Protein backbone atom coordinates (compact mmCIF):
# COMPACT_ATOMS: atom_id res chain seq x y z
CA MET A 1 -12.65 17.65 -37.31
CA SER A 2 -15.68 18.65 -36.38
CA LEU A 3 -17.51 18.26 -32.88
CA LEU A 4 -20.53 15.56 -33.20
CA LEU A 5 -23.87 15.99 -30.33
CA VAL A 6 -22.34 16.77 -26.71
CA MET A 7 -24.19 13.63 -24.98
CA GLY A 8 -24.56 14.89 -21.38
CA VAL A 9 -23.36 16.83 -18.63
CA LEU A 10 -22.17 15.44 -14.68
CA LEU A 11 -20.46 18.54 -12.31
CA ALA A 12 -17.98 15.68 -10.00
CA GLY A 13 -17.70 16.86 -6.47
CA CYS A 14 -13.91 16.42 -5.36
CA GLY A 15 -13.79 17.82 -2.36
CA LYS A 16 -13.65 21.45 -1.35
CA PRO A 17 -11.66 24.17 -3.43
CA ASP A 18 -9.71 25.55 -1.17
CA GLY A 19 -8.09 28.96 -2.10
CA ALA A 20 -8.23 31.82 -4.35
CA GLY A 21 -7.47 31.64 -8.91
CA PRO A 22 -7.86 29.15 -10.90
CA SER A 23 -8.40 25.93 -8.18
CA ASN A 24 -12.32 27.70 -7.83
CA GLN A 25 -12.80 27.30 -11.23
CA ALA A 26 -14.38 23.34 -12.05
CA LEU A 27 -12.38 21.48 -14.32
CA GLN A 28 -13.80 20.97 -17.47
CA VAL A 29 -13.96 17.27 -18.79
CA ALA A 30 -14.16 15.69 -22.37
CA ILE A 31 -14.87 11.69 -22.44
CA CYS A 32 -16.99 9.21 -24.28
CA PRO A 33 -18.61 7.11 -21.85
CA THR A 34 -19.20 3.93 -24.15
CA SER A 35 -15.19 3.23 -23.54
CA PRO A 36 -15.67 0.47 -20.97
CA PRO A 37 -13.83 -0.10 -18.32
CA ASN A 38 -11.98 3.34 -18.67
CA CYS A 39 -15.62 5.34 -18.91
CA PHE A 40 -19.05 4.17 -18.63
CA GLN A 41 -22.48 5.01 -18.16
CA GLN A 42 -23.68 3.43 -15.02
CA ASP A 43 -27.07 4.53 -13.64
CA ARG A 44 -27.34 8.52 -13.92
CA ASP A 45 -23.56 8.88 -13.27
CA TYR A 46 -20.44 7.63 -14.89
CA ALA A 47 -17.93 5.90 -13.88
CA GLY A 48 -14.77 3.64 -14.87
CA ILE A 49 -11.09 3.16 -14.07
CA ASP A 50 -10.09 7.05 -15.45
CA VAL A 51 -13.34 8.53 -13.80
CA GLU A 52 -11.89 6.91 -11.06
CA ILE A 53 -8.36 8.37 -11.40
CA PHE A 54 -8.81 12.11 -12.10
CA ARG A 55 -11.99 12.35 -9.17
CA ALA A 56 -9.08 10.99 -6.55
CA TYR A 57 -6.43 13.48 -8.39
CA CYS A 58 -8.88 16.12 -8.26
CA GLU A 59 -10.12 15.12 -4.35
CA SER A 60 -5.68 15.36 -4.03
CA ARG A 61 -5.79 18.49 -5.22
CA GLY A 62 -8.80 20.74 -3.74
CA ARG A 63 -10.83 21.24 -7.13
CA THR A 64 -14.15 19.52 -8.91
CA PHE A 65 -14.66 19.20 -12.51
CA THR A 66 -17.41 18.75 -15.42
CA MET A 67 -18.22 15.67 -17.50
CA THR A 68 -19.56 15.91 -20.83
CA ALA A 69 -19.92 13.54 -22.84
CA TYR A 70 -19.26 13.35 -26.53
CA ASP A 71 -18.40 10.90 -29.08
CA TRP A 72 -14.97 9.56 -29.74
CA ALA A 73 -14.20 12.00 -31.87
CA GLY A 74 -15.90 15.20 -30.69
CA MET A 75 -13.78 14.58 -27.34
CA LEU A 76 -10.64 14.50 -28.66
CA GLY A 77 -11.59 17.61 -30.53
CA ALA A 78 -13.06 19.15 -27.26
CA VAL A 79 -9.52 19.12 -26.42
CA MET A 80 -7.68 20.64 -29.43
CA ALA A 81 -10.20 23.39 -29.27
CA GLY A 82 -8.77 24.38 -25.51
CA ARG A 83 -12.81 23.47 -24.77
CA ALA A 84 -11.21 20.41 -22.51
CA ASP A 85 -9.08 21.23 -19.76
CA VAL A 86 -8.78 17.19 -20.16
CA ALA A 87 -10.03 14.04 -22.06
CA PHE A 88 -10.17 10.65 -21.10
CA SER A 89 -11.67 7.51 -22.06
CA GLY A 90 -8.80 5.24 -22.99
CA ILE A 91 -7.16 7.28 -25.30
CA SER A 92 -4.29 6.02 -27.17
CA ILE A 93 -0.83 7.85 -26.37
CA THR A 94 0.03 8.22 -30.48
CA GLU A 95 2.69 10.22 -32.29
CA ARG A 96 0.12 11.45 -34.27
CA ARG A 97 -2.31 13.11 -31.86
CA ARG A 98 0.41 14.19 -30.11
CA GLU A 99 1.10 16.78 -32.80
CA SER A 100 -2.34 18.77 -31.43
CA MET A 101 -2.76 17.86 -27.89
CA ASP A 102 -0.46 17.16 -24.65
CA PHE A 103 -0.65 13.47 -23.10
CA SER A 104 -0.13 12.57 -19.33
CA ASP A 105 2.59 9.70 -18.54
CA SER A 106 1.15 6.76 -19.59
CA TYR A 107 -1.03 4.88 -17.02
CA MET A 108 -2.32 1.73 -18.37
CA ALA A 109 -1.35 -0.85 -21.34
CA ASN A 110 -3.91 -1.80 -23.84
CA VAL A 111 -3.33 -4.58 -26.85
CA LEU A 112 -5.13 -3.59 -30.23
CA ILE A 113 -7.39 -6.72 -31.68
CA ILE A 114 -9.93 -7.28 -33.84
CA ALA A 115 -12.32 -8.72 -32.11
CA ALA A 116 -15.24 -11.39 -33.69
CA THR A 117 -18.40 -13.48 -32.38
CA ALA A 118 -17.90 -16.35 -31.29
CA GLY A 119 -19.36 -19.16 -33.34
CA ARG A 120 -18.63 -17.66 -36.28
CA ASP A 121 -15.84 -19.09 -38.12
CA VAL A 122 -13.82 -15.48 -38.40
CA LYS A 123 -10.49 -16.82 -39.23
CA ILE A 124 -7.52 -13.38 -39.83
CA ASP A 125 -3.97 -15.45 -39.83
CA SER A 126 -2.88 -12.31 -41.03
CA THR A 127 -3.63 -9.08 -42.81
CA ALA A 128 -3.33 -10.45 -45.59
CA ASP A 129 -7.14 -12.19 -44.75
CA TRP A 130 -8.11 -8.90 -43.55
CA LYS A 131 -9.36 -7.87 -47.06
CA ASN A 132 -11.59 -11.22 -46.34
CA TRP A 133 -13.99 -9.98 -44.03
CA ARG A 134 -16.10 -7.02 -43.63
CA LEU A 135 -14.00 -4.77 -40.65
CA GLY A 136 -15.14 -1.82 -38.76
CA PHE A 137 -14.11 0.48 -36.04
CA VAL A 138 -14.95 3.64 -34.08
CA ARG A 139 -14.15 6.34 -35.90
CA GLY A 140 -11.63 8.45 -34.81
CA MET A 141 -10.01 5.85 -33.24
CA TYR A 142 -5.88 5.13 -33.03
CA PHE A 143 -7.15 2.04 -35.62
CA GLY A 144 -8.51 4.20 -38.77
CA ASP A 145 -4.71 5.89 -38.57
CA LEU A 146 -3.58 2.38 -38.75
CA ILE A 147 -4.93 1.51 -41.58
CA LYS A 148 -4.14 4.56 -43.05
CA THR A 149 -0.58 4.80 -42.97
CA LYS A 150 0.83 0.79 -42.01
CA TYR A 151 -1.86 -1.18 -42.84
CA ARG A 152 -2.73 0.46 -46.20
CA ASP A 153 -1.77 -2.33 -48.03
CA ALA A 154 -3.91 -4.73 -46.29
CA TYR A 155 -7.06 -3.22 -46.28
CA ASP A 156 -8.86 0.07 -48.02
CA TYR A 157 -9.86 2.34 -45.50
CA THR A 158 -12.85 3.86 -47.85
CA ALA A 159 -14.45 -0.22 -47.23
CA LEU A 160 -14.29 0.18 -43.22
CA ARG A 161 -17.38 0.83 -41.72
CA GLN A 162 -17.20 3.68 -39.12
CA TYR A 163 -19.54 3.92 -35.75
CA PRO A 164 -19.69 6.73 -33.74
CA SER A 165 -18.96 4.68 -30.11
CA TYR A 166 -18.50 0.95 -29.42
CA ASN A 167 -22.39 0.69 -28.61
CA GLU A 168 -22.93 1.32 -32.49
CA LEU A 169 -19.90 -1.25 -33.65
CA LEU A 170 -20.85 -4.23 -30.94
CA ALA A 171 -24.64 -3.97 -32.06
CA ASP A 172 -23.54 -4.29 -35.55
CA LEU A 173 -20.83 -7.31 -34.63
CA GLY A 174 -23.51 -8.75 -32.19
CA ASN A 175 -25.97 -8.62 -35.61
CA GLY A 176 -23.58 -10.10 -38.16
CA ASN A 177 -23.87 -6.40 -40.25
CA VAL A 178 -19.63 -6.52 -39.55
CA ASP A 179 -17.57 -9.39 -39.42
CA GLY A 180 -14.72 -8.07 -37.32
CA ALA A 181 -14.17 -5.38 -34.99
CA PHE A 182 -11.01 -3.34 -34.28
CA MET A 183 -11.33 -3.11 -30.14
CA ASP A 184 -9.04 -2.32 -27.58
CA SER A 185 -8.49 -5.78 -25.42
CA MET A 186 -9.61 -3.84 -22.54
CA VAL A 187 -13.30 -3.45 -24.10
CA MET A 188 -13.76 -6.92 -25.18
CA ALA A 189 -12.63 -8.70 -21.68
CA ASP A 190 -15.18 -6.01 -19.99
CA GLN A 191 -17.85 -6.96 -22.58
CA LYS A 192 -17.43 -10.58 -21.99
CA GLN A 193 -17.45 -10.19 -18.44
CA LYS A 194 -20.72 -8.21 -18.42
CA GLY A 195 -22.02 -11.23 -20.80
CA ILE A 196 -23.31 -9.03 -22.87
CA TYR A 197 -21.42 -10.73 -25.88
CA ASP A 198 -20.06 -13.66 -26.22
CA LEU A 199 -16.70 -12.43 -28.15
CA VAL A 200 -13.15 -13.93 -29.15
CA VAL A 201 -9.89 -12.77 -30.84
CA ALA A 202 -9.46 -12.88 -34.21
CA PHE A 203 -6.45 -11.22 -35.31
CA THR A 204 -3.69 -9.51 -32.43
CA LEU A 205 -1.89 -6.38 -33.96
CA GLU A 206 1.61 -6.16 -32.79
CA GLU A 207 1.35 -2.36 -31.97
CA GLU A 208 2.13 -1.45 -28.42
CA ASP A 209 -0.80 0.88 -26.98
CA ARG A 210 -0.52 2.48 -24.16
CA TYR A 211 -3.20 4.63 -22.17
CA GLY A 212 -2.71 8.66 -21.56
CA PHE A 213 -5.28 11.32 -20.32
CA ALA A 214 -4.92 14.24 -22.71
CA PHE A 215 -4.14 17.99 -22.33
CA PRO A 216 -4.34 20.87 -24.49
CA LYS A 217 -0.80 21.51 -25.96
CA GLY A 218 0.92 23.55 -23.71
CA SER A 219 -1.32 22.88 -20.60
CA ALA A 220 0.35 23.31 -16.87
CA LEU A 221 -2.42 20.90 -15.31
CA ARG A 222 -0.89 17.75 -17.23
CA GLU A 223 1.99 18.30 -15.50
CA ASP A 224 0.52 18.33 -12.01
CA PHE A 225 -1.71 15.20 -12.85
CA ASN A 226 2.23 13.56 -14.05
CA ALA A 227 2.80 14.87 -10.54
CA PHE A 228 0.03 12.98 -9.30
CA LEU A 229 0.51 9.65 -11.29
CA ARG A 230 3.52 9.46 -9.50
CA GLU A 231 2.31 10.21 -5.87
CA LYS A 232 -0.72 7.65 -5.76
CA ALA A 233 1.02 4.92 -8.83
CA ASP A 234 -0.56 2.12 -6.16
CA ASP A 235 -3.45 3.51 -5.52
CA VAL A 236 -3.25 4.19 -9.38
CA GLN A 237 -2.91 0.22 -9.84
CA ALA A 238 -5.35 -0.66 -7.88
CA ILE A 239 -8.10 1.08 -9.45
CA ILE A 240 -6.87 -0.59 -12.33
CA ALA A 241 -6.97 -3.74 -10.63
CA ARG A 242 -10.66 -3.54 -9.42
CA HIS A 243 -11.84 -3.23 -12.55
CA MET A 244 -10.30 -5.56 -14.13
CA LYS A 245 -10.87 -8.58 -12.19
């Protein structure tokens, strides 16, 4: 997987680092800021559930971190190549991804769906109906692996329209260039809440999906981050609840 063009870099302060050694070094974070409500651009800053959780972690450990924005595939590639200490933007924990990266404990559940624009007569009662519609997804996301494996008889992977981020996928969905979009339910809920796109759930996949923070294989940071998730479980859930109102 080749890394695509880096979109931007932002230094985030998380309290004053104390002591010597690694704690004085800013953690390198790879993000895809087109994944609301977990990670998105707000004015000239990055915001979202995952950003707030990681900022709280850094504050508790006296660390700083630098966020570098990629498209989805580039974000995962940065972790696999060891160019980032961690990646987050609502990343699904999958067995295939575990082969090339480590994950934190899950902190959030998600539902996998096909979204359509309200008012368009997109009827999908079963996977057998998928082939009747023009479907798209964000390149590098979990849906691609599912269609290559479990759903290979339901839809031709080569016929899927692939996009670098949700921004382009949602634009084509809104313009009628695709009929349905494989999407995280969290993203659809965020779009509806903000009144950007009027979307409906055309189909719900049966897979259980859970989010985790991604780390390079063998990362010691993962264990400390998991300890933080346990220590501050109530605070983490409060962050999630605030964004999901």
